[in-house]
């Protein structure tokens, strides 16, 4: 085995000046490496894009919403729901919320917005700390937090006064309009343009007053500490809660978006997989040319009694070496570029189109190792045909003109 490995290694690293074997081996390694790098980066970008979108949406909508089936206000104190949530062993944050449309007025300017009234979570916070970029994330009485894009469009600064009108009461013939003045306490920025231009946060008590809901709420928002357990708590509650409760996960609410992401995965992976396939074809052609160049050496080895299985092993090892070095080279390039992008965010994209201002990358080690293994396995398989060609060489024919 050691002897066949030495021969395979010398074929790929021939000491002869200008040897085609070395040149062909380097080209095969580079070709496979670039294909593996393209495939790994593509997989990481798709994973990063889905994770980023999912995380951004979960910050607003939570991982799970519990509402009334008929979309009417429900009681704030719900013993059944509270007892079920208390029994689960999954770590989560729960908050009551009210969500309704309103008219925002600032001076002579007016804009339709979606008002979200939030109660403090289990940890005493409103869960907005991660998205508030200016001011305070605390929702005290009479304060509001609005999107930075909305604030820019309306010319609103921190501390400015705004007025919110309940749209439903404005349409009543009684003329009893419900409105309230708020002080802008902070700006949030999510990167999701639809949310940044339309969402406004106030406290739950202020929302109940504005919409005349007394002690009623729109529902509960459940945010799981570990996103991987979101499906578990959904299944747990879905089995135990019936009518009039309605459960809606963040992926169900934005199902069209996530279906679109899933739809894009396969065409992209196939296209970049073809690039890697070109690298596999390069291995076949490179080994075939190496066999042609080393025809005399193969004939001599056979003439002195080397078994044909050892000849086959030599070229299978060459394919393994090319596959291993190419996969290692490609994975190294991909991981290096991924680290640079994660650290410095060099490559930017239009935020109003892609919901983020830079190309997101999430390194999935299981996927990366799978692509690495497929690269090596494909290289070994690609070596089979040239290997059998070498195995059929007759020593007399190989040495005829020597």
Protein backbone atom coordinates (compact mmCIF):
# COMPACT_ATOMS: atom_id res chain seq x y z
CA UNK A 1 0.00 0.00 0.00
CA UNK A 2 2.85 2.36 0.87
CA UNK A 3 4.59 1.64 -2.45
CA UNK A 4 1.45 2.32 -4.53
CA UNK A 5 0.84 5.56 -2.60
CA UNK A 6 4.40 6.73 -3.34
CA UNK A 7 3.91 6.10 -7.05
CA UNK A 8 0.53 7.88 -7.06
CA UNK A 9 2.06 10.85 -5.22
CA UNK A 10 5.00 11.04 -7.64
CA UNK A 11 2.64 10.99 -10.62
CA UNK A 12 0.92 14.09 -9.28
CA UNK A 13 4.16 15.73 -8.15
CA UNK A 14 6.52 14.69 -10.89
CA UNK A 15 10.09 16.00 -10.49
CA UNK A 16 10.41 16.37 -14.26
CA UNK A 17 10.35 19.97 -15.50
CA UNK A 18 7.11 20.77 -17.32
CA UNK A 19 5.55 17.38 -16.56
CA UNK A 20 1.94 17.24 -17.72
CA UNK A 21 1.00 14.94 -14.83
CA UNK A 22 1.69 17.62 -12.25
CA UNK A 23 -0.03 20.31 -14.33
CA UNK A 24 -3.11 18.12 -14.91
CA UNK A 25 -3.28 17.24 -11.21
CA UNK A 26 -3.13 20.91 -10.17
CA UNK A 27 -5.86 21.83 -12.65
CA UNK A 28 -8.07 19.02 -11.37
CA UNK A 29 -7.54 20.11 -7.75
CA UNK A 30 -8.29 23.75 -8.58
CA UNK A 31 -11.35 22.86 -10.62
CA UNK A 32 -12.83 20.66 -7.92
CA UNK A 33 -11.87 23.17 -5.22
CA UNK A 34 -13.67 26.05 -6.92
CA UNK A 35 -16.75 23.88 -7.42
CA UNK A 36 -16.77 22.82 -3.76
CA UNK A 37 -16.23 26.46 -2.66
CA UNK A 38 -19.13 27.69 -4.83
CA UNK A 39 -21.45 24.96 -3.55
CA UNK A 40 -20.50 25.50 0.12
CA UNK A 41 -20.88 29.29 -0.10
CA UNK A 42 -24.22 28.96 -1.86
CA UNK A 43 -25.50 26.60 0.81
CA UNK A 44 -24.28 28.95 3.58
CA UNK A 45 -25.85 32.03 1.98
CA UNK A 46 -29.23 30.33 1.55
CA UNK A 47 -29.07 29.13 5.16
CA UNK A 48 -28.05 32.59 6.34
CA UNK A 49 -30.80 34.30 4.38
CA UNK A 50 -33.49 32.01 5.80
CA UNK A 51 -32.16 32.32 9.37
CA UNK A 52 -31.93 36.12 9.15
CA UNK A 53 -35.44 36.52 7.75
CA UNK A 54 -36.82 34.08 10.32
CA UNK A 55 -35.07 35.89 13.19
CA UNK A 56 -36.22 39.34 12.06
CA UNK A 57 -39.85 38.24 11.70
CA UNK A 58 -39.80 36.42 15.05
CA UNK A 59 -38.72 39.64 16.76
CA UNK A 60 -42.00 41.26 15.70
CA UNK A 61 -44.49 38.42 15.54
CA UNK A 62 -42.96 36.03 18.04
CA UNK A 63 -42.62 32.34 17.25
CA UNK A 64 -46.28 31.69 18.04
CA UNK A 65 -49.44 33.78 18.38
CA UNK A 66 -52.54 32.67 20.25
CA UNK A 67 -55.65 34.58 19.21
CA UNK A 68 -59.42 34.16 19.11
CA UNK A 69 -60.65 32.05 16.21
CA UNK A 70 -63.06 34.82 15.10
CA UNK A 71 -60.41 37.54 15.48
CA UNK A 72 -62.25 39.25 18.33
CA UNK A 73 -60.75 40.45 21.64
CA UNK A 74 -60.20 37.79 24.29
CA UNK A 75 -59.91 37.90 28.05
CA UNK A 76 -56.55 38.91 29.50
CA UNK A 77 -56.86 36.45 32.39
CA UNK A 78 -57.25 33.00 30.84
CA UNK A 79 -56.81 30.22 33.39
CA UNK A 80 -56.75 27.39 30.87
CA UNK A 81 -54.08 29.01 28.73
CA UNK A 82 -52.03 30.10 31.74
CA UNK A 83 -52.08 26.60 33.23
CA UNK A 84 -51.01 24.98 29.94
CA UNK A 85 -48.15 27.42 29.51
CA UNK A 86 -47.05 26.84 33.10
CA UNK A 87 -46.87 23.07 32.55
CA UNK A 88 -44.56 23.12 29.52
CA UNK A 89 -40.85 22.54 30.13
CA UNK A 90 -39.83 24.61 27.10
CA UNK A 91 -38.20 27.95 27.99
CA UNK A 92 -40.18 30.84 26.52
CA UNK A 93 -41.33 34.43 27.00
CA UNK A 94 -45.03 35.30 26.89
CA UNK A 95 -46.67 38.67 26.49
CA UNK A 96 -50.22 39.88 25.93
CA UNK A 97 -50.70 42.16 22.93
CA UNK A 98 -53.23 44.33 21.15
CA UNK A 99 -52.86 44.97 17.43
CA UNK A 100 -55.12 47.35 15.54
CA UNK A 101 -54.87 49.99 12.80
CA UNK A 102 -54.70 53.68 13.67
CA UNK A 103 -54.10 57.08 12.13
CA UNK A 104 -50.89 58.79 13.22
CA UNK A 105 -50.81 62.57 13.08
CA UNK A 106 -47.75 64.79 13.39
CA UNK A 107 -48.52 68.43 12.70
CA UNK A 108 -50.09 68.62 9.26
CA UNK A 109 -48.87 65.16 8.26
CA UNK A 110 -50.86 61.97 8.75
CA UNK A 111 -50.06 58.32 8.09
CA UNK A 112 -51.88 55.04 8.58
CA UNK A 113 -50.04 52.72 10.97
CA UNK A 114 -50.48 49.43 12.79
CA UNK A 115 -50.41 49.97 16.54
CA UNK A 116 -49.07 47.12 18.69
CA UNK A 117 -49.70 47.38 22.41
CA UNK A 118 -47.33 45.21 24.42
CA UNK A 119 -47.35 43.98 27.99
CA UNK A 120 -44.07 43.33 29.72
CA UNK A 121 -42.70 39.79 29.27
CA UNK A 122 -41.73 37.32 31.99
CA UNK A 123 -38.34 39.01 32.31
CA UNK A 124 -39.87 42.45 32.88
CA UNK A 125 -39.00 43.73 29.39
CA UNK A 126 -41.04 44.35 26.25
CA UNK A 127 -38.70 42.37 23.97
CA UNK A 128 -37.79 45.38 21.83
CA UNK A 129 -34.24 45.85 23.10
CA UNK A 130 -32.66 44.06 20.14
CA UNK A 131 -34.25 46.32 17.50
CA UNK A 132 -34.34 49.75 19.18
CA UNK A 133 -31.45 51.78 17.73
CA UNK A 134 -32.13 55.20 19.30
CA UNK A 135 -33.76 56.24 22.54
CA UNK A 136 -35.24 53.84 25.07
CA UNK A 137 -36.92 50.47 24.59
CA UNK A 138 -39.12 51.01 27.64
CA UNK A 139 -42.84 51.51 26.97
CA UNK A 140 -43.98 53.70 29.81
CA UNK A 141 -47.43 55.32 29.91
CA UNK A 142 -47.87 57.86 27.14
CA UNK A 143 -44.70 56.85 25.23
CA UNK A 144 -44.34 55.28 21.80
CA UNK A 145 -41.62 53.58 19.78
CA UNK A 146 -41.81 53.94 16.00
CA UNK A 147 -39.78 52.71 13.04
CA UNK A 148 -36.83 54.86 12.05
CA UNK A 149 -37.98 54.87 8.41
CA UNK A 150 -41.45 56.06 9.42
CA UNK A 151 -39.91 58.74 11.63
CA UNK A 152 -37.77 59.95 8.74
CA UNK A 153 -40.75 60.07 6.37
CA UNK A 154 -42.80 62.16 8.84
CA UNK A 155 -39.91 64.23 10.20
CA UNK A 156 -40.35 62.91 13.75
CA UNK A 157 -37.55 63.33 16.30
CA UNK A 158 -37.06 61.82 19.74
CA UNK A 159 -39.31 63.55 22.28
CA UNK A 160 -41.76 64.83 19.64
CA UNK A 161 -45.48 64.61 20.32
CA UNK A 162 -47.71 62.54 18.03
CA UNK A 163 -51.43 61.80 18.14
CA UNK A 164 -53.02 58.42 17.43
CA UNK A 165 -56.66 58.11 16.31
CA UNK A 166 -58.67 54.89 16.53
CA UNK A 167 -59.88 54.39 12.94
CA UNK A 168 -62.95 52.42 14.04
CA UNK A 169 -64.22 55.22 16.27
CA UNK A 170 -63.61 57.77 13.51
CA UNK A 171 -66.13 55.93 11.35
CA UNK A 172 -68.90 55.97 13.96
CA UNK A 173 -71.84 58.35 13.46
CA UNK A 174 -71.84 59.24 17.15
CA UNK A 175 -68.72 61.34 16.62
CA UNK A 176 -67.04 60.00 19.76
CA UNK A 177 -63.54 59.69 18.40
CA UNK A 178 -60.93 57.97 20.55
CA UNK A 179 -57.49 59.55 20.35
CA UNK A 180 -54.46 59.98 22.53
CA UNK A 181 -51.23 61.94 22.47
CA UNK A 182 -47.92 60.14 22.81
CA UNK A 183 -44.30 61.15 23.18
CA UNK A 184 -41.81 59.39 20.88
CA UNK A 185 -39.52 57.52 23.24
CA UNK A 186 -37.39 55.55 20.74
CA UNK A 187 -36.76 54.45 17.17
CA UNK A 188 -36.47 50.84 16.04
CA UNK A 189 -34.87 49.43 12.90
CA UNK A 190 -35.38 45.88 11.72
CA UNK A 191 -34.35 45.94 8.07
CA UNK A 192 -37.84 44.80 7.08
CA UNK A 193 -39.16 47.85 5.24
CA UNK A 194 -42.81 46.78 5.58
CA UNK A 195 -42.49 46.80 9.38
CA UNK A 196 -40.22 49.84 9.72
CA UNK A 197 -42.72 52.03 7.85
CA UNK A 198 -45.95 50.82 9.45
CA UNK A 199 -45.47 49.46 13.00
CA UNK A 200 -45.78 51.59 16.13
CA UNK A 201 -45.42 50.25 19.69
CA UNK A 202 -47.18 51.51 22.80
CA UNK A 203 -47.91 49.95 26.18
CA UNK A 204 -50.77 47.49 26.57
CA UNK A 205 -52.65 49.82 28.95
CA UNK A 206 -52.46 52.69 26.46
CA UNK A 207 -53.71 50.42 23.65
CA UNK A 208 -56.63 49.25 25.78
CA UNK A 209 -57.57 52.87 26.44
CA UNK A 210 -57.17 53.93 22.80
CA UNK A 211 -59.35 51.12 21.46
CA UNK A 212 -61.80 50.98 24.39
CA UNK A 213 -61.01 47.34 25.18
CA UNK A 214 -61.07 47.61 28.99
CA UNK A 215 -59.36 44.37 30.14
CA UNK A 216 -59.46 42.66 26.73
CA UNK A 217 -56.48 41.78 24.53
CA UNK A 218 -55.94 40.60 20.95
CA UNK A 219 -54.00 37.55 22.09
CA UNK A 220 -50.67 36.24 23.38
CA UNK A 221 -47.25 36.30 21.75
CA UNK A 222 -44.98 33.36 22.59
CA UNK A 223 -41.25 33.76 21.95
CA UNK A 224 -39.16 30.62 22.49
CA UNK A 225 -35.64 31.00 23.90
CA UNK A 226 -34.39 28.26 21.55
CA UNK A 227 -35.99 28.71 18.08
CA UNK A 228 -35.49 25.00 17.42
CA UNK A 229 -38.17 24.26 20.07
CA UNK A 230 -40.80 26.54 18.49
CA UNK A 231 -42.40 23.61 16.69
CA UNK A 232 -42.51 21.59 19.94
CA UNK A 233 -44.45 24.23 21.87
CA UNK A 234 -46.75 24.71 18.88
CA UNK A 235 -47.57 20.99 18.80
CA UNK A 236 -47.96 20.92 22.58
CA UNK A 237 -50.56 23.72 22.58
CA UNK A 238 -52.23 22.61 19.36
CA UNK A 239 -53.10 19.23 20.93
CA UNK A 240 -54.60 20.82 24.04
CA UNK A 241 -56.27 24.00 22.81
CA UNK A 242 -59.41 23.86 20.72
CA UNK A 243 -62.06 26.39 19.80
CA UNK A 244 -62.08 29.38 20.28
CA UNK A 245 -58.27 29.47 20.37
CA UNK A 246 -56.39 29.92 17.12
CA UNK A 247 -52.64 29.20 16.89
CA UNK A 248 -50.49 30.82 14.24
CA UNK A 249 -46.72 30.30 13.96
CA UNK A 250 -44.45 32.93 12.48
CA UNK A 251 -43.74 30.69 9.50
CA UNK A 252 -47.44 30.09 8.85
CA UNK A 253 -48.12 33.82 8.94
CA UNK A 254 -45.41 34.40 6.33
CA UNK A 255 -45.81 31.08 4.54
CA UNK A 256 -45.53 32.61 1.06
CA UNK A 257 -42.12 34.08 1.89
CA UNK A 258 -40.75 30.85 3.37
CA UNK A 259 -42.20 28.78 0.52
CA UNK A 260 -40.40 31.09 -1.90
CA UNK A 261 -37.12 30.57 -0.04
CA UNK A 262 -37.58 26.78 -0.15
CA UNK A 263 -38.41 26.98 -3.85
CA UNK A 264 -35.20 28.87 -4.60
CA UNK A 265 -32.97 26.38 -2.79
CA UNK A 266 -33.04 23.54 -5.31
CA UNK A 267 -32.46 25.47 -8.57
CA UNK A 268 -29.58 27.37 -6.98
CA UNK A 269 -28.02 24.24 -5.51
CA UNK A 270 -28.38 22.41 -8.85
CA UNK A 271 -26.76 25.25 -10.79
CA UNK A 272 -23.77 25.49 -8.48
CA UNK A 273 -23.68 21.71 -8.18
CA UNK A 274 -23.03 21.62 -11.93
CA UNK A 275 -19.94 23.76 -11.34
CA UNK A 276 -18.68 21.09 -8.95
CA UNK A 277 -19.60 18.44 -11.53
CA UNK A 278 -17.29 20.16 -14.04
CA UNK A 279 -14.51 19.63 -11.50
CA UNK A 280 -15.35 15.91 -11.42
CA UNK A 281 -15.14 15.74 -15.21
CA UNK A 282 -11.73 17.42 -14.98
CA UNK A 283 -10.56 14.59 -12.74
CA UNK A 284 -11.58 11.98 -15.34
CA UNK A 285 -9.79 13.83 -18.14
CA UNK A 286 -6.72 14.53 -15.99
CA UNK A 287 -6.31 10.90 -14.92
CA UNK A 288 -6.82 9.75 -18.51
CA UNK A 289 -4.02 12.07 -19.68
CA UNK A 290 -1.77 10.95 -16.80
CA UNK A 291 -2.30 7.31 -17.83
CA UNK A 292 -1.44 8.18 -21.42
CA UNK A 293 1.75 9.99 -20.31
CA UNK A 294 2.77 7.20 -17.92
CA UNK A 295 2.04 4.38 -20.37
CA UNK A 296 5.70 3.28 -20.44
CA UNK A 297 5.98 3.26 -16.63
CA UNK A 298 2.76 1.20 -16.36
CA UNK A 299 4.14 -1.32 -18.84
CA UNK A 300 7.41 -1.64 -16.90
CA UNK A 301 5.57 -2.15 -13.59
CA UNK A 302 3.46 -4.89 -15.14
CA UNK A 303 6.51 -6.47 -16.76
CA UNK A 304 8.34 -6.78 -13.44
CA UNK A 305 5.32 -8.50 -11.91
CA UNK A 306 3.19 -5.82 -10.25
CA UNK A 307 -0.39 -7.17 -9.92
CA UNK A 308 -3.08 -5.43 -11.94
CA UNK A 309 -5.04 -4.68 -8.77
CA UNK A 310 -2.04 -2.66 -7.56
CA UNK A 311 -2.11 -0.69 -10.84
CA UNK A 312 -5.78 0.03 -10.24
CA UNK A 313 -5.01 1.06 -6.69
CA UNK A 314 -2.42 3.60 -7.88
CA UNK A 315 -4.91 5.58 -9.95
CA UNK A 316 -7.69 5.23 -7.40
CA UNK A 317 -5.30 6.77 -4.87
CA UNK A 318 -4.55 9.57 -7.33
CA UNK A 319 -8.28 10.28 -7.56
CA UNK A 320 -8.51 10.18 -3.77
CA UNK A 321 -5.59 12.61 -3.40
CA UNK A 322 -7.07 15.00 -5.96
CA UNK A 323 -10.50 14.74 -4.32
CA UNK A 324 -9.13 15.24 -0.81
CA UNK A 325 -6.91 18.21 -1.69
CA UNK A 326 -9.58 19.77 -3.92
CA UNK A 327 -12.31 19.42 -1.29
CA UNK A 328 -9.97 20.74 1.41
CA UNK A 329 -8.92 23.66 -0.80
CA UNK A 330 -12.53 24.51 -1.71
CA UNK A 331 -13.82 24.22 1.85
CA UNK A 332 -10.94 26.40 3.05
CA UNK A 333 -11.77 29.12 0.52
CA UNK A 334 -15.48 28.98 1.36
CA UNK A 335 -14.95 29.11 5.14
CA UNK A 336 -12.42 31.95 4.82
CA UNK A 337 -14.75 34.07 2.68
CA UNK A 338 -17.66 33.24 4.98
CA UNK A 339 -15.68 34.34 8.05
CA UNK A 340 -14.64 37.61 6.37
CA UNK A 341 -18.25 38.37 5.39
CA UNK A 342 -19.60 37.52 8.85
CA UNK A 343 -16.91 39.61 10.54
CA UNK A 344 -16.72 42.65 8.25
CA UNK A 345 -19.92 42.48 6.14
CA UNK A 346 -18.04 43.54 3.00
CA UNK A 347 -20.68 42.54 0.45
CA UNK A 348 -23.79 44.73 0.80
CA UNK A 349 -27.22 44.50 -0.81
CA UNK A 350 -30.21 46.90 -1.08
CA UNK A 351 -32.05 46.71 2.22
CA UNK A 352 -35.45 47.75 0.82
CA UNK A 353 -35.42 44.74 -1.54
CA UNK A 354 -33.78 41.94 0.45
CA UNK A 355 -34.85 42.88 4.05
CA UNK A 356 -31.18 43.20 5.08
CA UNK A 357 -28.24 45.44 4.21
CA UNK A 358 -25.57 42.76 3.70
CA UNK A 359 -25.27 39.22 2.37
CA UNK A 360 -26.03 36.93 5.33
CA UNK A 361 -24.01 33.77 5.85
CA UNK A 362 -24.67 30.96 8.31
CA UNK A 363 -22.11 28.15 8.39
CA UNK A 364 -23.92 24.84 8.63
CA UNK A 365 -21.19 22.41 9.65
CA UNK A 366 -23.27 19.34 8.83
CA UNK A 367 -23.90 20.65 5.31
CA UNK A 368 -20.28 21.71 4.86
CA UNK A 369 -18.96 18.29 5.91
CA UNK A 370 -21.53 16.59 3.66
CA UNK A 371 -20.36 18.61 0.64
CA UNK A 372 -16.74 17.84 1.60
CA UNK A 373 -17.47 14.11 1.77
CA UNK A 374 -19.42 14.14 -1.50
CA UNK A 375 -16.44 15.83 -3.18
CA UNK A 376 -14.06 13.07 -2.07
CA UNK A 377 -16.52 10.27 -2.88
CA UNK A 378 -17.24 11.71 -6.32
CA UNK A 379 -13.51 11.93 -7.04
CA UNK A 380 -13.04 8.24 -6.20
CA UNK A 381 -16.00 7.29 -8.40
CA UNK A 382 -14.66 9.50 -11.20
CA UNK A 383 -11.35 7.59 -10.99
CA UNK A 384 -12.95 4.22 -11.71
CA UNK A 385 -13.21 4.56 -15.51
CA UNK A 386 -9.58 5.76 -16.07
CA UNK A 387 -8.43 3.05 -13.63
CA UNK A 388 -9.99 0.26 -15.67
CA UNK A 389 -8.47 1.77 -18.81
CA UNK A 390 -5.06 1.49 -17.15
CA UNK A 391 -5.82 -2.04 -16.02
CA UNK A 392 -6.37 -3.19 -19.63
CA UNK A 393 -2.93 -2.03 -20.80
CA UNK A 394 -0.74 -4.87 -22.11
CA UNK A 395 2.96 -4.68 -21.21
CA UNK A 396 4.02 -5.71 -24.73
CA UNK A 397 1.97 -2.94 -26.32
CA UNK A 398 3.19 -0.35 -23.78
CA UNK A 399 6.90 -1.22 -24.37
CA UNK A 400 6.72 -1.97 -28.11
CA UNK A 401 8.73 1.08 -29.21
CA UNK A 402 11.09 1.22 -26.21
